[in-house]
């Protein structure tokens, strides 16, 4: 059970980090365009 929770939390952290990275990249490109 704890292994499943660990994997789920790891996936959540990875996806949230990826989302944040994509948001930062988009903002950076917008800043360059402006």
PDB file of N, CA and C in Angstrom:
ATOM      1  N   UNK A   1       0.835  -1.206   0.000  1.00  0.00           N
ATOM      2  CA  UNK A   1       0.000   0.000   0.000  1.00  0.00           C
ATOM      3  C   UNK A   1       0.867   1.252   0.000  1.00  0.00           C
ATOM      4  N   UNK A   2       1.878   1.272   0.859  1.00  0.00           N
ATOM      5  CA  UNK A   2       2.747   2.452   0.928  1.00  0.00           C
ATOM      6  C   UNK A   2       3.523   2.642  -0.377  1.00  0.00           C
ATOM      7  N   UNK A   3       3.817   1.541  -1.061  1.00  0.00           N
ATOM      8  CA  UNK A   3       4.539   1.649  -2.339  1.00  0.00           C
ATOM      9  C   UNK A   3       3.665   2.359  -3.365  1.00  0.00           C
ATOM     10  N   UNK A   4       2.388   2.004  -3.395  1.00  0.00           N
ATOM     11  CA  UNK A   4       1.458   2.649  -4.338  1.00  0.00           C
ATOM     12  C   UNK A   4       1.354   4.138  -4.024  1.00  0.00           C
ATOM     13  N   UNK A   5       1.246   4.463  -2.744  1.00  0.00           N
ATOM     14  CA  UNK A   5       1.165   5.874  -2.349  1.00  0.00           C
ATOM     15  C   UNK A   5       2.431   6.618  -2.749  1.00  0.00           C
ATOM     16  N   UNK A   6       3.552   5.975  -2.572  1.00  0.00           N
ATOM     17  CA  UNK A   6       4.831   6.607  -2.925  1.00  0.00           C
ATOM     18  C   UNK A   6       4.891   6.886  -4.424  1.00  0.00           C
ATOM     19  N   UNK A   7       4.480   5.898  -5.225  1.00  0.00           N
ATOM     20  CA  UNK A   7       4.489   6.072  -6.684  1.00  0.00           C
ATOM     21  C   UNK A   7       3.523   7.185  -7.087  1.00  0.00           C
ATOM     22  N   UNK A   8       2.348   7.195  -6.462  1.00  0.00           N
ATOM     23  CA  UNK A   8       1.355   8.232  -6.785  1.00  0.00           C
ATOM     24  C   UNK A   8       1.899   9.618  -6.452  1.00  0.00           C
ATOM     25  N   UNK A   9       2.501   9.753  -5.285  1.00  0.00           N
ATOM     26  CA  UNK A   9       3.037  11.054  -4.892  1.00  0.00           C
ATOM     27  C   UNK A   9       4.175  11.472  -5.820  1.00  0.00           C
ATOM     28  N   UNK A  10       4.992  10.511  -6.224  1.00  0.00           N
ATOM     29  CA  UNK A  10       6.092  10.819  -7.137  1.00  0.00           C
ATOM     30  C   UNK A  10       5.543  11.301  -8.481  1.00  0.00           C
ATOM     31  N   UNK A  11       4.522  10.618  -8.985  1.00  0.00           N
ATOM     32  CA  UNK A  11       3.901  11.024 -10.249  1.00  0.00           C
ATOM     33  C   UNK A  11       3.304  12.419 -10.121  1.00  0.00           C
ATOM     34  N   UNK A  12       2.650  12.676  -8.995  1.00  0.00           N
ATOM     35  CA  UNK A  12       2.038  13.989  -8.780  1.00  0.00           C
ATOM     36  C   UNK A  12       3.096  15.089  -8.789  1.00  0.00           C
ATOM     37  N   UNK A  13       4.201  14.837  -8.099  1.00  0.00           N
ATOM     38  CA  UNK A  13       5.285  15.832  -8.050  1.00  0.00           C
ATOM     39  C   UNK A  13       5.862  16.059  -9.446  1.00  0.00           C
ATOM     40  N   UNK A  14       6.067  14.980 -10.179  1.00  0.00           N
ATOM     41  CA  UNK A  14       6.634  15.106 -11.525  1.00  0.00           C
ATOM     42  C   UNK A  14       5.705  15.885 -12.445  1.00  0.00           C
ATOM     43  N   UNK A  15       4.412  15.574 -12.411  1.00  0.00           N
ATOM     44  CA  UNK A  15       3.463  16.262 -13.294  1.00  0.00           C
ATOM     45  C   UNK A  15       3.320  17.724 -12.907  1.00  0.00           C
ATOM     46  N   UNK A  16       3.277  18.012 -11.607  1.00  0.00           N
ATOM     47  CA  UNK A  16       3.142  19.398 -11.180  1.00  0.00           C
ATOM     48  C   UNK A  16       4.394  20.186 -11.569  1.00  0.00           C
ATOM     49  N   UNK A  17       5.571  19.571 -11.424  1.00  0.00           N
ATOM     50  CA  UNK A  17       6.811  20.244 -11.818  1.00  0.00           C
ATOM     51  C   UNK A  17       6.808  20.508 -13.322  1.00  0.00           C
ATOM     52  N   UNK A  18       6.339  19.529 -14.090  1.00  0.00           N
ATOM     53  CA  UNK A  18       6.289  19.677 -15.534  1.00  0.00           C
ATOM     54  C   UNK A  18       5.341  20.812 -15.909  1.00  0.00           C
ATOM     55  N   UNK A  19       4.190  20.878 -15.260  1.00  0.00           N
ATOM     56  CA  UNK A  19       3.225  21.947 -15.532  1.00  0.00           C
ATOM     57  C   UNK A  19       3.856  23.306 -15.238  1.00  0.00           C
ATOM     58  N   UNK A  20       4.523  23.392 -14.111  1.00  0.00           N
ATOM     59  CA  UNK A  20       5.163  24.655 -13.734  1.00  0.00           C
ATOM     60  C   UNK A  20       6.225  25.039 -14.758  1.00  0.00           C
ATOM     61  N   UNK A  21       6.998  24.063 -15.198  1.00  0.00           N
ATOM     62  CA  UNK A  21       8.043  24.320 -16.181  1.00  0.00           C
ATOM     63  C   UNK A  21       7.431  24.820 -17.492  1.00  0.00           C
ATOM     64  N   UNK A  22       6.335  24.192 -17.919  1.00  0.00           N
ATOM     65  CA  UNK A  22       5.668  24.611 -19.162  1.00  0.00           C
ATOM     66  C   UNK A  22       5.138  26.035 -19.008  1.00  0.00           C
ATOM     67  N   UNK A  23       4.550  26.336 -17.853  1.00  0.00           N
ATOM     68  CA  UNK A  23       4.022  27.680 -17.618  1.00  0.00           C
ATOM     69  C   UNK A  23       5.148  28.710 -17.685  1.00  0.00           C
ATOM     70  N   UNK A  24       6.272  28.408 -17.035  1.00  0.00           N
ATOM     71  CA  UNK A  24       7.403  29.340 -17.052  1.00  0.00           C
ATOM     72  C   UNK A  24       7.931  29.537 -18.470  1.00  0.00           C
ATOM     73  N   UNK A  25       7.998  28.452 -19.236  1.00  0.00           N
ATOM     74  CA  UNK A  25       8.489  28.552 -20.609  1.00  0.00           C
ATOM     75  C   UNK A  25       7.559  29.417 -21.451  1.00  0.00           C
ATOM     76  N   UNK A  26       6.258  29.210 -21.291  1.00  0.00           N
ATOM     77  CA  UNK A  26       5.280  30.000 -22.057  1.00  0.00           C
ATOM     78  C   UNK A  26       5.391  31.474 -21.680  1.00  0.00           C
ATOM     79  N   UNK A  27       5.496  31.760 -20.389  1.00  0.00           N
ATOM     80  CA  UNK A  27       5.621  33.149 -19.946  1.00  0.00           C
ATOM     81  C   UNK A  27       6.900  33.775 -20.499  1.00  0.00           C
ATOM     82  N   UNK A  28       7.977  33.015 -20.501  1.00  0.00           N
ATOM     83  CA  UNK A  28       9.250  33.515 -21.010  1.00  0.00           C
ATOM     84  C   UNK A  28       9.132  33.855 -22.496  1.00  0.00           C
ATOM     85  N   UNK A  29       8.504  32.967 -23.273  1.00  0.00           N
ATOM     86  CA  UNK A  29       8.331  33.216 -24.706  1.00  0.00           C
ATOM     87  C   UNK A  29       7.440  34.426 -24.937  1.00  0.00           C
ATOM     88  N   UNK A  30       6.391  34.563 -24.140  1.00  0.00           N
ATOM     89  CA  UNK A  30       5.503  35.721 -24.271  1.00  0.00           C
ATOM     90  C   UNK A  30       6.275  37.003 -23.984  1.00  0.00           C
ATOM     91  N   UNK A  31       7.126  36.956 -22.980  1.00  0.00           N
ATOM     92  CA  UNK A  31       7.915  38.137 -22.617  1.00  0.00           C
ATOM     93  C   UNK A  31       8.842  38.516 -23.769  1.00  0.00           C
ATOM     94  N   UNK A  32       9.412  37.511 -24.426  1.00  0.00           N
ATOM     95  CA  UNK A  32      10.304  37.776 -25.560  1.00  0.00           C
ATOM     96  C   UNK A  32       9.500  38.380 -26.719  1.00  0.00           C
ATOM     97  N   UNK A  33       8.321  37.828 -26.961  1.00  0.00           N
ATOM     98  CA  UNK A  33       7.477  38.334 -28.060  1.00  0.00           C
ATOM     99  C   UNK A  33       7.076  39.780 -27.796  1.00  0.00           C
ATOM    100  N   UNK A  34       6.724  40.094 -26.548  1.00  0.00           N
ATOM    101  CA  UNK A  34       6.306  41.454 -26.225  1.00  0.00           C
ATOM    102  C   UNK A  34       7.514  42.379 -26.228  1.00  0.00           C
TER     103      UNK A  34
END
